[in-house]
Protein backbone atom coordinates (compact mmCIF):
# COMPACT_ATOMS: atom_id res chain seq x y z
CA UNK A 1 -0.01 33.69 -37.80
CA UNK A 2 3.55 33.56 -37.65
CA UNK A 3 5.11 34.44 -40.68
CA UNK A 4 6.55 30.50 -41.17
CA UNK A 5 3.41 29.12 -40.02
CA UNK A 6 2.60 26.23 -42.52
CA UNK A 7 -0.19 27.91 -44.34
CA UNK A 8 -3.59 25.12 -45.02
CA UNK A 9 -3.46 23.46 -48.60
CA UNK A 10 -6.64 24.30 -50.69
CA UNK A 11 -9.31 21.92 -50.99
CA UNK A 12 -8.97 21.71 -54.84
CA UNK A 13 -5.39 23.11 -55.73
CA UNK A 14 -3.38 22.23 -53.08
CA UNK A 15 0.10 23.94 -52.02
CA UNK A 16 3.80 23.69 -53.21
CA UNK A 17 6.88 24.48 -51.25
CA UNK A 18 9.54 25.46 -53.50
CA UNK A 19 12.48 24.52 -50.86
CA UNK A 20 16.41 25.05 -50.67
CA UNK A 21 18.38 21.86 -49.66
CA UNK A 22 21.84 23.56 -49.61
CA UNK A 23 24.87 22.41 -51.08
CA UNK A 24 24.97 18.94 -49.80
CA UNK A 25 25.44 18.81 -45.73
CA UNK A 26 22.12 17.72 -44.56
CA UNK A 27 22.49 19.68 -41.43
CA UNK A 28 22.00 22.88 -43.38
CA UNK A 29 18.54 22.32 -43.86
CA UNK A 30 16.67 25.25 -42.17
CA UNK A 31 14.26 24.66 -39.52
CA UNK A 32 11.62 25.96 -41.58
CA UNK A 33 12.68 23.02 -44.42
CA UNK A 34 12.77 20.47 -41.97
CA UNK A 35 8.72 21.71 -40.39
CA UNK A 36 7.64 21.60 -44.55
CA UNK A 37 9.05 18.36 -45.08
CA UNK A 38 7.62 17.02 -42.23
CA UNK A 39 4.19 17.59 -43.41
CA UNK A 40 4.19 17.06 -46.78
CA UNK A 41 1.85 14.70 -48.74
CA UNK A 42 3.72 14.57 -52.23
CA UNK A 43 8.02 15.46 -52.93
CA UNK A 44 9.57 16.23 -55.71
CA UNK A 45 13.05 16.31 -55.34
CA UNK A 46 16.09 15.83 -57.76
CA UNK A 47 18.51 13.09 -57.00
CA UNK A 48 21.68 15.08 -55.62
CA UNK A 49 18.99 15.84 -53.14
CA UNK A 50 16.88 13.17 -52.21
CA UNK A 51 19.03 11.65 -49.75
CA UNK A 52 19.19 14.83 -47.84
CA UNK A 53 15.40 15.72 -47.64
CA UNK A 54 13.79 12.41 -47.37
CA UNK A 55 15.08 11.63 -44.02
CA UNK A 56 12.62 14.25 -42.85
CA UNK A 57 9.65 13.66 -44.61
CA UNK A 58 6.43 11.64 -42.89
CA UNK A 59 6.43 8.23 -42.17
CA UNK A 60 5.12 6.14 -44.37
CA UNK A 61 5.86 7.52 -47.74
CA UNK A 62 7.37 5.67 -50.65
CA UNK A 63 10.58 6.37 -53.24
CA UNK A 64 9.34 5.57 -56.37
CA UNK A 65 12.18 6.15 -58.95
CA UNK A 66 10.92 6.73 -62.70
CA UNK A 67 11.04 3.28 -64.67
CA UNK A 68 11.54 4.10 -68.09
CA UNK A 69 13.62 7.70 -69.16
CA UNK A 70 17.45 8.63 -69.65
CA UNK A 71 19.66 7.71 -67.16
CA UNK A 72 21.08 11.22 -67.71
CA UNK A 73 20.73 13.97 -65.93
CA UNK A 74 18.17 15.97 -67.67
CA UNK A 75 15.86 14.66 -70.50
CA UNK A 76 16.79 14.97 -74.25
CA UNK A 77 15.34 17.94 -75.83
CA UNK A 78 14.33 20.08 -72.66
CA UNK A 79 17.46 21.09 -70.21
CA UNK A 80 14.80 19.80 -67.32
CA UNK A 81 15.89 17.51 -64.51
CA UNK A 82 15.17 14.23 -64.57
CA UNK A 83 12.73 13.73 -61.30
CA UNK A 84 11.85 11.39 -58.45
CA UNK A 85 8.76 11.42 -56.56
CA UNK A 86 8.00 10.67 -52.57
CA UNK A 87 4.58 10.12 -52.39
CA UNK A 88 2.50 7.24 -50.04
CA UNK A 89 -0.86 8.06 -51.68
CA UNK A 90 -0.93 10.55 -54.84
CA UNK A 91 -1.74 9.16 -58.30
CA UNK A 92 1.78 11.17 -59.27
CA UNK A 93 3.48 7.99 -58.38
CA UNK A 94 1.84 6.86 -61.57
CA UNK A 95 3.23 9.40 -63.86
CA UNK A 96 6.03 8.78 -66.66
CA UNK A 97 9.55 9.98 -65.93
CA UNK A 98 9.20 12.08 -69.48
CA UNK A 99 6.85 14.36 -67.64
CA UNK A 100 8.70 17.93 -66.71
CA UNK A 101 8.93 19.46 -63.13
CA UNK A 102 5.83 21.68 -63.67
CA UNK A 103 3.20 19.07 -64.56
CA UNK A 104 4.90 16.88 -61.86
CA UNK A 105 3.81 19.65 -59.38
CA UNK A 106 0.49 20.24 -60.98
CA UNK A 107 -0.68 16.84 -60.91
CA UNK A 108 1.00 16.27 -57.45
CA UNK A 109 -0.76 19.86 -55.77
CA UNK A 110 -4.05 18.52 -56.97
CA UNK A 111 -6.87 17.31 -54.46
CA UNK A 112 -5.35 19.57 -51.65
CA UNK A 113 -2.11 17.63 -51.50
CA UNK A 114 0.99 19.11 -49.81
CA UNK A 115 3.78 19.11 -52.17
CA UNK A 116 7.28 19.93 -51.25
CA UNK A 117 9.73 20.71 -54.65
CA UNK A 118 13.05 20.24 -53.16
CA UNK A 119 16.36 21.86 -55.66
CA UNK A 120 19.57 21.92 -54.76
CA UNK A 121 21.12 25.46 -52.91
CA UNK A 122 18.60 27.86 -52.83
CA UNK A 123 15.16 27.96 -55.32
CA UNK A 124 16.10 31.92 -56.00
CA UNK A 125 19.17 30.73 -57.72
CA UNK A 126 17.65 27.43 -59.67
CA UNK A 127 17.42 27.22 -62.86
CA UNK A 128 13.81 26.08 -63.61
CA UNK A 129 12.19 27.20 -60.23
CA UNK A 130 10.87 30.59 -61.62
CA UNK A 131 9.42 28.47 -64.82
CA UNK A 132 7.83 26.02 -62.06
CA UNK A 133 6.52 28.74 -59.87
CA UNK A 134 5.05 30.98 -62.92
CA UNK A 135 2.82 27.28 -63.36
CA UNK A 136 1.95 27.55 -60.51
CA UNK A 137 0.71 31.07 -60.74
CA UNK A 138 -1.26 30.30 -63.99
CA UNK A 139 -2.98 27.19 -62.44
CA UNK A 140 -3.83 28.82 -59.40
CA UNK A 141 -1.79 26.85 -56.90
CA UNK A 142 -0.72 28.88 -53.69
CA UNK A 143 3.31 28.52 -53.00
CA UNK A 144 6.11 29.85 -51.21
CA UNK A 145 9.64 29.59 -50.89
CA UNK A 146 11.92 28.09 -48.17
CA UNK A 147 15.33 29.91 -48.93
CA UNK A 148 18.19 27.34 -48.76
CA UNK A 149 22.14 27.89 -48.35
CA UNK A 150 23.55 28.40 -51.66
CA UNK A 151 26.29 26.57 -52.80
CA UNK A 152 28.00 29.32 -53.97
CA UNK A 153 28.23 30.30 -50.29
CA UNK A 154 27.94 27.78 -48.36
CA UNK A 155 30.82 25.78 -49.42
CA UNK A 156 33.55 28.29 -49.51
CA UNK A 157 32.60 28.29 -45.95
CA UNK A 158 32.89 24.90 -45.28
CA UNK A 159 36.35 25.40 -46.99
CA UNK A 160 37.77 27.80 -45.03
CA UNK A 161 37.73 30.63 -47.55
CA UNK A 162 36.30 34.28 -46.49
CA UNK A 163 34.57 35.80 -49.32
CA UNK A 164 34.90 39.43 -47.60
CA UNK A 165 37.17 40.76 -44.88
CA UNK A 166 37.34 44.11 -43.18
CA UNK A 167 38.31 45.99 -46.45
CA UNK A 168 34.73 45.01 -47.75
CA UNK A 169 35.64 43.94 -51.42
CA UNK A 170 33.28 43.16 -53.87
CA UNK A 171 32.07 39.51 -54.25
CA UNK A 172 31.04 38.23 -58.08
CA UNK A 173 28.95 35.27 -58.66
CA UNK A 174 29.86 34.07 -61.98
CA UNK A 175 28.06 30.19 -63.00
CA UNK A 176 30.87 29.40 -65.80
CA UNK A 177 28.01 27.62 -67.85
CA UNK A 178 26.01 30.27 -68.98
CA UNK A 179 28.25 33.63 -68.18
CA UNK A 180 28.69 35.46 -71.37
CA UNK A 181 31.90 37.66 -72.74
CA UNK A 182 30.60 40.77 -71.11
CA UNK A 183 30.27 38.83 -67.48
CA UNK A 184 34.01 37.52 -67.63
CA UNK A 185 35.13 41.17 -69.25
CA UNK A 186 33.78 42.78 -66.00
CA UNK A 187 34.87 40.73 -63.44
CA UNK A 188 38.31 40.44 -64.96
CA UNK A 189 38.38 44.26 -64.51
CA UNK A 190 37.14 44.07 -61.02
CA UNK A 191 39.56 43.33 -58.13
CA UNK A 192 37.29 41.87 -55.80
CA UNK A 193 36.55 38.10 -55.01
CA UNK A 194 34.83 36.29 -57.65
CA UNK A 195 32.86 32.61 -56.91
CA UNK A 196 32.76 30.33 -60.30
CA UNK A 197 30.64 27.37 -60.34
CA UNK A 198 31.70 25.80 -62.59
CA UNK A 199 32.70 21.67 -62.93
CA UNK A 200 36.23 20.04 -62.62
CA UNK A 201 37.06 19.62 -66.17
CA UNK A 202 35.82 23.43 -66.78
CA UNK A 203 38.20 24.81 -63.85
CA UNK A 204 41.30 25.71 -66.13
CA UNK A 205 39.33 27.35 -68.58
CA UNK A 206 37.30 29.34 -66.51
CA UNK A 207 41.02 30.64 -64.62
CA UNK A 208 41.79 30.88 -68.66
CA UNK A 209 38.94 33.34 -68.78
CA UNK A 210 39.95 35.45 -66.35
CA UNK A 211 43.20 35.75 -67.13
CA UNK A 212 42.07 36.90 -70.85
CA UNK A 213 39.68 39.53 -69.26
CA UNK A 214 42.61 41.43 -67.03
CA UNK A 215 43.03 39.38 -63.84
CA UNK A 216 47.00 38.72 -63.46
CA UNK A 217 48.15 34.99 -63.60
CA UNK A 218 49.10 35.05 -59.95
CA UNK A 219 45.61 35.65 -58.60
CA UNK A 220 45.05 32.75 -55.92
CA UNK A 221 42.46 30.51 -56.05
CA UNK A 222 41.02 27.59 -54.77
CA UNK A 223 38.67 25.01 -56.08
CA UNK A 224 36.67 22.45 -53.82
CA UNK A 225 35.22 19.89 -54.86
CA UNK A 226 32.06 17.86 -53.36
CA UNK A 227 31.23 21.16 -51.00
CA UNK A 228 30.08 20.54 -46.69
CA UNK A 229 30.20 16.85 -47.49
CA UNK A 230 32.91 14.11 -46.27
CA UNK A 231 33.75 14.07 -49.79
CA UNK A 232 34.65 17.58 -49.59
CA UNK A 233 38.31 18.50 -51.34
CA UNK A 234 39.60 21.40 -51.90
CA UNK A 235 42.92 22.40 -53.91
CA UNK A 236 44.63 25.84 -53.42
CA UNK A 237 47.01 27.09 -56.59
CA UNK A 238 46.77 30.13 -58.84
CA UNK A 239 44.50 31.42 -61.93
CA UNK A 240 47.99 30.27 -63.91
CA UNK A 241 48.87 27.30 -61.68
CA UNK A 242 45.14 25.60 -61.26
CA UNK A 243 45.60 23.18 -64.35
CA UNK A 244 48.60 21.72 -63.49
CA UNK A 245 47.80 21.55 -59.46
CA UNK A 246 44.82 19.52 -60.86
CA UNK A 247 47.31 17.46 -62.72
CA UNK A 248 49.71 16.92 -60.60
CA UNK A 249 46.63 15.56 -57.90
CA UNK A 250 46.04 12.99 -60.42
CA UNK A 251 42.44 14.61 -60.17
CA UNK A 252 42.59 15.59 -63.90
CA UNK A 253 42.23 13.69 -66.51
CA UNK A 254 39.49 11.87 -65.14
CA UNK A 255 35.90 10.33 -65.74
CA UNK A 256 34.64 11.85 -62.62
CA UNK A 257 35.60 15.30 -64.32
CA UNK A 258 32.03 16.71 -64.67
CA UNK A 259 31.45 16.79 -61.17
CA UNK A 260 30.32 20.45 -60.11
CA UNK A 261 32.61 22.60 -57.87
CA UNK A 262 32.50 25.90 -56.58
CA UNK A 263 36.16 28.28 -57.42
CA UNK A 264 36.74 31.18 -55.29
CA UNK A 265 39.07 33.64 -56.50
CA UNK A 266 40.36 36.79 -55.40
CA UNK A 267 43.82 37.69 -52.58
CA UNK A 268 41.18 36.46 -49.50
CA UNK A 269 41.44 33.55 -50.54
CA UNK A 270 45.37 32.71 -50.65
CA UNK A 271 46.70 29.31 -49.40
CA UNK A 272 48.24 30.57 -46.13
CA UNK A 273 44.95 32.36 -44.58
CA UNK A 274 43.17 28.74 -45.54
CA UNK A 275 45.12 26.55 -43.70
CA UNK A 276 44.33 28.43 -40.66
CA UNK A 277 40.71 28.81 -41.42
CA UNK A 278 39.84 25.22 -42.95
CA UNK A 279 37.80 24.28 -40.07
CA UNK A 280 36.11 21.36 -41.40
CA UNK A 281 38.59 19.43 -43.76
CA UNK A 282 40.98 19.18 -40.49
CA UNK A 283 38.81 17.61 -38.34
CA UNK A 284 40.16 14.47 -37.15
CA UNK A 285 38.36 12.06 -38.61
CA UNK A 286 37.69 13.62 -41.70
CA UNK A 287 36.25 11.46 -44.80
CA UNK A 288 37.08 8.40 -42.57
CA UNK A 289 34.96 5.60 -43.28
CA UNK A 290 34.53 3.69 -39.96
CA UNK A 291 32.33 0.79 -39.55
CA UNK A 292 30.12 0.16 -36.51
CA UNK A 293 29.12 -3.16 -35.60
CA UNK A 294 25.97 -2.72 -33.98
CA UNK A 295 22.79 -2.13 -34.63
CA UNK A 296 21.05 1.20 -35.44
CA UNK A 297 19.15 1.47 -32.29
CA UNK A 298 22.41 1.16 -30.62
CA UNK A 299 24.99 3.26 -33.00
CA UNK A 300 22.63 6.64 -32.75
CA UNK A 301 24.46 8.33 -30.74
CA UNK A 302 27.51 6.70 -31.36
CA UNK A 303 27.61 7.48 -35.11
CA UNK A 304 26.28 11.61 -34.47
CA UNK A 305 29.64 11.57 -32.54
CA UNK A 306 31.55 10.26 -35.19
CA UNK A 307 30.18 12.29 -37.47
CA UNK A 308 31.03 15.33 -35.82
CA UNK A 309 34.18 14.34 -35.85
CA UNK A 310 34.35 14.06 -39.70
CA UNK A 311 33.62 10.35 -39.72
CA UNK A 312 31.07 8.38 -42.32
CA UNK A 313 29.82 6.12 -39.73
CA UNK A 314 28.48 2.80 -41.53
CA UNK A 315 26.13 0.40 -39.42
CA UNK A 316 26.48 -3.36 -39.40
CA UNK A 317 24.73 -5.43 -36.96
CA UNK A 318 26.54 -8.19 -35.48
CA UNK A 319 24.13 -9.36 -33.04
CA UNK A 320 20.55 -10.02 -33.85
CA UNK A 321 18.02 -9.72 -30.49
CA UNK A 322 15.39 -12.54 -30.57
CA UNK A 323 12.56 -13.17 -27.57
CA UNK A 324 13.39 -16.34 -25.12
CA UNK A 325 12.40 -19.54 -26.07
CA UNK A 326 10.41 -19.96 -22.61
CA UNK A 327 8.72 -16.67 -22.31
CA UNK A 328 6.96 -17.75 -19.06
CA UNK A 329 9.79 -16.49 -16.48
CA UNK A 330 9.75 -13.40 -18.17
CA UNK A 331 5.74 -13.36 -17.67
CA UNK A 332 6.02 -14.06 -14.39
CA UNK A 333 8.21 -11.81 -13.18
CA UNK A 334 6.28 -8.90 -14.86
CA UNK A 335 3.08 -9.47 -13.48
CA UNK A 336 5.63 -9.68 -10.21
CA UNK A 337 7.00 -5.96 -10.66
CA UNK A 338 3.28 -4.54 -10.97
CA UNK A 339 2.71 -6.92 -7.23
CA UNK A 340 5.19 -5.59 -5.32
CA UNK A 341 7.19 -8.43 -5.55
CA UNK A 342 10.04 -6.40 -6.35
CA UNK A 343 12.57 -3.76 -4.40
CA UNK A 344 14.74 -2.92 -7.26
CA UNK A 345 14.72 -3.71 -10.58
CA UNK A 346 18.15 -3.76 -12.77
CA UNK A 347 18.42 -3.16 -16.39
CA UNK A 348 22.26 -4.35 -17.93
CA UNK A 349 21.29 -3.07 -21.68
CA UNK A 350 19.18 -1.02 -23.83
CA UNK A 351 17.81 -4.13 -25.11
CA UNK A 352 16.96 -5.20 -21.77
CA UNK A 353 14.73 -2.11 -21.68
CA UNK A 354 13.08 -2.58 -25.00
CA UNK A 355 12.34 -6.25 -23.46
CA UNK A 356 10.57 -5.05 -20.26
CA UNK A 357 8.67 -2.23 -22.16
CA UNK A 358 7.40 -4.85 -24.81
CA UNK A 359 5.90 -6.81 -22.56
CA UNK A 360 4.49 -3.78 -20.34
CA UNK A 361 3.08 -2.83 -23.91
CA UNK A 362 2.02 -6.68 -24.22
CA UNK A 363 -0.10 -6.39 -20.88
CA UNK A 364 -1.37 -2.81 -21.56
CA UNK A 365 1.18 -1.38 -18.86
CA UNK A 366 3.27 1.11 -18.48
CA UNK A 367 6.06 3.46 -16.81
CA UNK A 368 3.28 3.96 -14.21
CA UNK A 369 3.77 0.33 -13.22
CA UNK A 370 7.51 1.52 -11.99
CA UNK A 371 6.01 3.32 -9.38
CA UNK A 372 7.69 2.20 -5.75
CA UNK A 373 10.34 0.14 -7.38
CA UNK A 374 13.86 1.85 -7.33
CA UNK A 375 15.61 0.95 -10.77
CA UNK A 376 19.13 0.90 -12.18
CA UNK A 377 20.66 1.23 -15.16
CA UNK A 378 24.11 0.10 -16.00
CA UNK A 379 25.47 2.93 -18.05
CA UNK A 380 24.25 6.63 -19.51
CA UNK A 381 22.77 4.85 -22.57
CA UNK A 382 20.32 2.44 -20.79
CA UNK A 383 19.54 4.88 -18.32
CA UNK A 384 18.28 7.40 -21.80
CA UNK A 385 16.43 4.63 -22.92
CA UNK A 386 14.94 4.12 -19.73
CA UNK A 387 13.93 8.00 -19.65
CA UNK A 388 12.47 7.93 -23.21
CA UNK A 389 10.10 4.68 -22.20
CA UNK A 390 9.06 7.51 -19.16
CA UNK A 391 11.54 6.07 -16.28
CA UNK A 392 13.93 8.23 -14.33
CA UNK A 393 16.71 5.79 -13.09
CA UNK A 394 17.65 5.84 -9.16
CA UNK A 395 20.76 4.65 -9.76
CA UNK A 396 23.43 5.12 -12.19
CA UNK A 397 27.25 4.37 -11.60
CA UNK A 398 29.29 7.03 -10.91
CA UNK A 399 32.27 5.31 -11.69
CA UNK A 400 32.65 2.33 -14.69
CA UNK A 401 29.67 2.01 -16.90
CA UNK A 402 29.58 -1.82 -16.09
CA UNK A 403 28.00 -3.98 -13.90
CA UNK A 404 31.34 -4.27 -11.61
CA UNK A 405 30.75 -0.34 -11.72
CA UNK A 406 26.89 -0.76 -11.03
CA UNK A 407 27.85 -3.31 -7.78
CA UNK A 408 30.32 -0.45 -6.53
CA UNK A 409 27.73 1.53 -5.58
CA UNK A 410 24.70 -0.47 -4.87
CA UNK A 411 23.68 -0.37 -1.34
CA UNK A 412 23.73 -3.90 0.78
CA UNK A 413 20.14 -5.31 1.74
CA UNK A 414 18.96 -3.45 5.08
CA UNK A 415 16.24 -5.36 6.85
CA UNK A 416 15.07 -2.10 8.20
CA UNK A 417 14.98 0.36 5.87
CA UNK A 418 14.42 -2.53 3.30
CA UNK A 419 11.15 -3.82 3.14
CA UNK A 420 11.72 -6.39 0.11
CA UNK A 421 15.02 -8.64 -0.70
CA UNK A 422 14.38 -9.11 -3.65
CA UNK A 423 15.67 -7.77 -7.59
CA UNK A 424 14.74 -8.13 -10.73
CA UNK A 425 17.56 -8.45 -13.44
CA UNK A 426 16.15 -9.07 -16.57
CA UNK A 427 19.34 -9.94 -19.17
CA UNK A 428 20.39 -11.88 -21.95
CA UNK A 429 20.74 -15.57 -21.95
CA UNK A 430 24.46 -15.01 -22.81
CA UNK A 431 25.17 -12.34 -19.75
CA UNK A 432 27.99 -12.86 -16.79
CA UNK A 433 27.31 -13.66 -13.97
CA UNK A 434 29.09 -10.73 -12.00
CA UNK A 435 26.17 -8.75 -11.27
CA UNK A 436 24.26 -11.88 -10.03
CA UNK A 437 27.26 -13.21 -7.37
CA UNK A 438 27.54 -9.21 -6.35
CA UNK A 439 23.80 -8.87 -5.34
CA UNK A 440 23.35 -11.82 -3.42
CA UNK A 441 26.96 -11.29 -1.45
CA UNK A 442 25.19 -7.37 -0.55
CA UNK A 443 22.46 -9.78 0.79
CA UNK A 444 20.09 -9.40 -1.84
CA UNK A 445 17.63 -12.42 -3.44
CA UNK A 446 17.87 -11.95 -7.36
CA UNK A 447 15.56 -13.21 -9.96
CA UNK A 448 17.72 -13.56 -12.75
CA UNK A 449 15.71 -13.58 -15.76
CA UNK A 450 16.41 -14.43 -19.38
CA UNK A 451 14.53 -11.47 -21.19
CA UNK A 452 16.22 -11.73 -24.86
CA UNK A 453 17.78 -13.55 -26.45
CA UNK A 454 20.95 -12.72 -28.56
CA UNK A 455 22.08 -14.22 -31.88
CA UNK A 456 24.57 -14.07 -34.80
CA UNK A 457 23.22 -11.32 -37.33
CA UNK A 458 23.08 -12.35 -40.92
CA UNK A 459 25.72 -11.55 -43.22
CA UNK A 460 25.77 -7.80 -44.41
CA UNK A 461 25.76 -7.00 -48.25
CA UNK A 462 28.08 -8.46 -50.46
CA UNK A 463 29.58 -5.46 -51.01
CA UNK A 464 30.19 -4.63 -47.14
CA UNK A 465 31.90 -8.05 -46.79
CA UNK A 466 34.44 -7.15 -49.70
CA UNK A 467 35.28 -3.51 -48.24
CA UNK A 468 35.87 -4.60 -44.86
CA UNK A 469 38.17 -7.34 -46.59
CA UNK A 470 39.95 -5.28 -49.07
CA UNK A 471 40.34 -2.56 -46.59
CA UNK A 472 37.20 -0.08 -47.65
CA UNK A 473 37.61 0.70 -44.31
CA UNK A 474 39.35 3.33 -42.48
CA UNK A 475 38.64 2.14 -38.96
CA UNK A 476 36.38 -0.59 -36.82
CA UNK A 477 35.10 0.27 -33.77
CA UNK A 478 34.58 -3.23 -31.24
CA UNK A 479 32.84 -2.33 -28.34
CA UNK A 480 32.71 -6.16 -26.78
CA UNK A 481 34.74 -9.35 -27.62
CA UNK A 482 31.28 -10.81 -28.81
CA UNK A 483 31.18 -7.85 -31.41
CA UNK A 484 34.55 -9.39 -32.60
CA UNK A 485 33.70 -13.27 -32.79
CA UNK A 486 30.38 -12.48 -34.48
CA UNK A 487 32.07 -9.69 -37.41
CA UNK A 488 34.74 -11.98 -37.82
CA UNK A 489 32.30 -14.67 -38.47
CA UNK A 490 29.39 -13.16 -40.81
CA UNK A 491 31.91 -10.62 -43.05
CA UNK A 492 35.35 -11.54 -42.45
CA UNK A 493 38.40 -10.21 -41.03
CA UNK A 494 39.20 -6.58 -41.40
CA UNK A 495 42.17 -5.96 -43.97
CA UNK A 496 45.88 -5.01 -42.21
CA UNK A 497 45.25 -1.25 -43.11
CA UNK A 498 42.28 -0.86 -41.14
CA UNK A 499 42.76 1.12 -37.91
CA UNK A 500 41.32 -1.11 -34.96
CA UNK A 501 39.56 0.60 -31.93
CA UNK A 502 38.86 -1.36 -28.85
CA UNK A 503 36.46 -0.57 -25.48
CA UNK A 504 38.75 -2.20 -23.23
CA UNK A 505 41.50 -5.06 -22.48
CA UNK A 506 38.88 -7.87 -22.76
CA UNK A 507 37.85 -6.96 -26.30
CA UNK A 508 41.47 -6.33 -27.34
CA UNK A 509 42.47 -9.51 -26.25
CA UNK A 510 39.45 -11.57 -28.29
CA UNK A 511 40.62 -9.02 -31.01
CA UNK A 512 44.18 -9.94 -31.05
CA UNK A 513 43.33 -14.05 -30.96
CA UNK A 514 41.80 -13.13 -34.36
CA UNK A 515 44.97 -12.16 -35.78
CA UNK A 516 44.18 -8.46 -35.20
CA UNK A 517 46.74 -5.53 -34.31
CA UNK A 518 44.88 -2.92 -32.38
CA UNK A 519 45.88 0.33 -32.88
CA UNK A 520 43.24 2.29 -30.26
CA UNK A 521 41.85 1.64 -27.01
CA UNK A 522 39.66 3.27 -24.85
CA UNK A 523 40.76 4.71 -21.50
CA UNK A 524 37.36 3.65 -19.57
CA UNK A 525 34.99 1.29 -21.06
CA UNK A 526 32.68 3.64 -22.88
CA UNK A 527 31.48 3.40 -26.44
CA UNK A 528 31.54 7.84 -26.15
CA UNK A 529 35.79 7.20 -24.75
CA UNK A 530 36.20 4.81 -27.69
CA UNK A 531 35.09 7.13 -30.48
CA UNK A 532 37.16 9.83 -28.21
CA UNK A 533 40.34 7.43 -28.18
CA UNK A 534 40.46 7.24 -32.29
CA UNK A 535 39.35 10.74 -32.87
CA UNK A 536 42.96 11.56 -30.72
CA UNK A 537 44.45 8.78 -32.87
CA UNK A 538 43.46 10.99 -36.39
CA UNK A 539 44.87 14.40 -35.01
CA UNK A 540 47.79 12.58 -33.77
CA UNK A 541 48.23 10.82 -37.29
CA UNK A 542 47.41 13.98 -38.97
CA UNK A 543 49.81 15.93 -36.96
CA UNK A 544 52.93 13.47 -37.91
CA UNK A 545 52.01 13.91 -41.30
CA UNK A 546 52.03 17.35 -41.64
CA UNK A 547 55.06 17.37 -39.83
CA UNK A 548 57.09 15.27 -42.47
CA UNK A 549 55.53 17.48 -45.09
CA UNK A 550 53.75 14.52 -46.07
CA UNK A 551 49.85 14.78 -47.42
CA UNK A 552 46.84 13.45 -45.13
CA UNK A 553 45.72 10.64 -46.05
CA UNK A 554 42.70 8.05 -44.67
CA UNK A 555 44.06 4.72 -43.29
CA UNK A 556 42.38 3.21 -46.33
CA UNK A 557 44.42 4.83 -48.82
CA UNK A 558 47.65 3.71 -47.05
CA UNK A 559 50.28 0.70 -48.51
CA UNK A 560 48.81 -2.69 -47.66
CA UNK A 561 51.00 -4.47 -45.28
CA UNK A 562 52.66 -0.77 -43.22
CA UNK A 563 53.24 -1.31 -39.74
CA UNK A 564 50.77 0.54 -36.83
CA UNK A 565 51.77 1.06 -33.44
CA UNK A 566 48.76 0.12 -30.81
CA UNK A 567 48.17 3.37 -28.93
CA UNK A 568 46.19 3.87 -25.89
């Protein structure tokens, strides 16, 4: 058996996996952690890691927040973290919030259930995990440990602060909340790198302890808050100047002073070196909140691309898809597809693929019904949807991914080589006639069938509408004229400071007609080229600020009414 193979849960005692969720970036979960989460019956997780781990929990789990109990992070008098249980069937759901973690885990494990106990960072460095493991031993509950990336290691890596170099200096890890006088004396006498876990408002105190213990006041120091997330921010200073640096940056005093931070002290955390190695915070759209007015299904790959640039995508559907008012035409076309009525079927959107696949499912058909029929897709995303359905398209535009691009590559009808002269075109009720007219001109007969209707989506939540109108978003990506009209219709016009990015000239014209100034336009009509163009805009913006000696800020942090220039 592989050492990472999931062991069987006992019929009476179940099984517990103590899992490290890492310092905050969901991408830092290990493969073993994802496997354990996918097989868990019950997930016991601290609030700060719940969003990181629950995305990998099996479908159907229910998130239950304790209805009673304190609002603070700890239960009074115990120091035990307040917990949340994710469980679709276990009686653990009904446990009162005052039960400590060990009891929650034991109760959840009974009856043969698999329990994942997720903690921030690594279980080996967690304050309470060892006690909970001992409770498992006492109760005869088998358990395993899945290590995670510790914050003290992961956060400096994301901040561009190497902890060791070719000289191989010692690295000491200190938790300022529990460090003794002896601990401070030892690290103060050392010339190695010190990684201090503390809170934002205690950084200056920790720096003072190190100076008092013998470290020079001019020793370089970096402080990182919200490490490995798109809210990460790092300040470079020295032990003697860190308090003033945080004050000048208007970080302190602050009601958020209790936020945890990782501070790195030592010559190898010098600011000049961090400037060169800061790979994460220097991403072109780092921390930008980008509005993507598409459904989650449509926006998935686009949102992933934006995240790779450091952005925080926020998906807001502007169009809802509904079945056609009269389904008979679609039903006849699908039956004709099976009986050999068509030579080609052309898909002009992911929604068209979905509409046909749903009709297939209704009739008990699958991708085999496409045997002998040539399949065309208008672009890469539509092609991917077809492949997921089990159909590899025969034709995808080699140039522009549009109806016009599809027509450029579409072969004319040839009675010698084409036994059938008919094309099935399932599409939206508001689609243009470009493709139909072009196919007819090429000699084809077209069954132009309404496969679905597009209607304006419901308005987004009030806080999203307020962010759109109030300048809470740094950028918005418009992928069609309808997304412009519908977003303005359901949520209002984006604020003047928001960067407006459009997929092409027609969409840009619609945006300008609605009083929006277009900043970015894709070099070709592709959602991925649009995201790339926005990233290039962000890079130029960052470079201009650095050249001028100004701090790098996000558009939402700019002065309202500031002028913007359009770029292509």
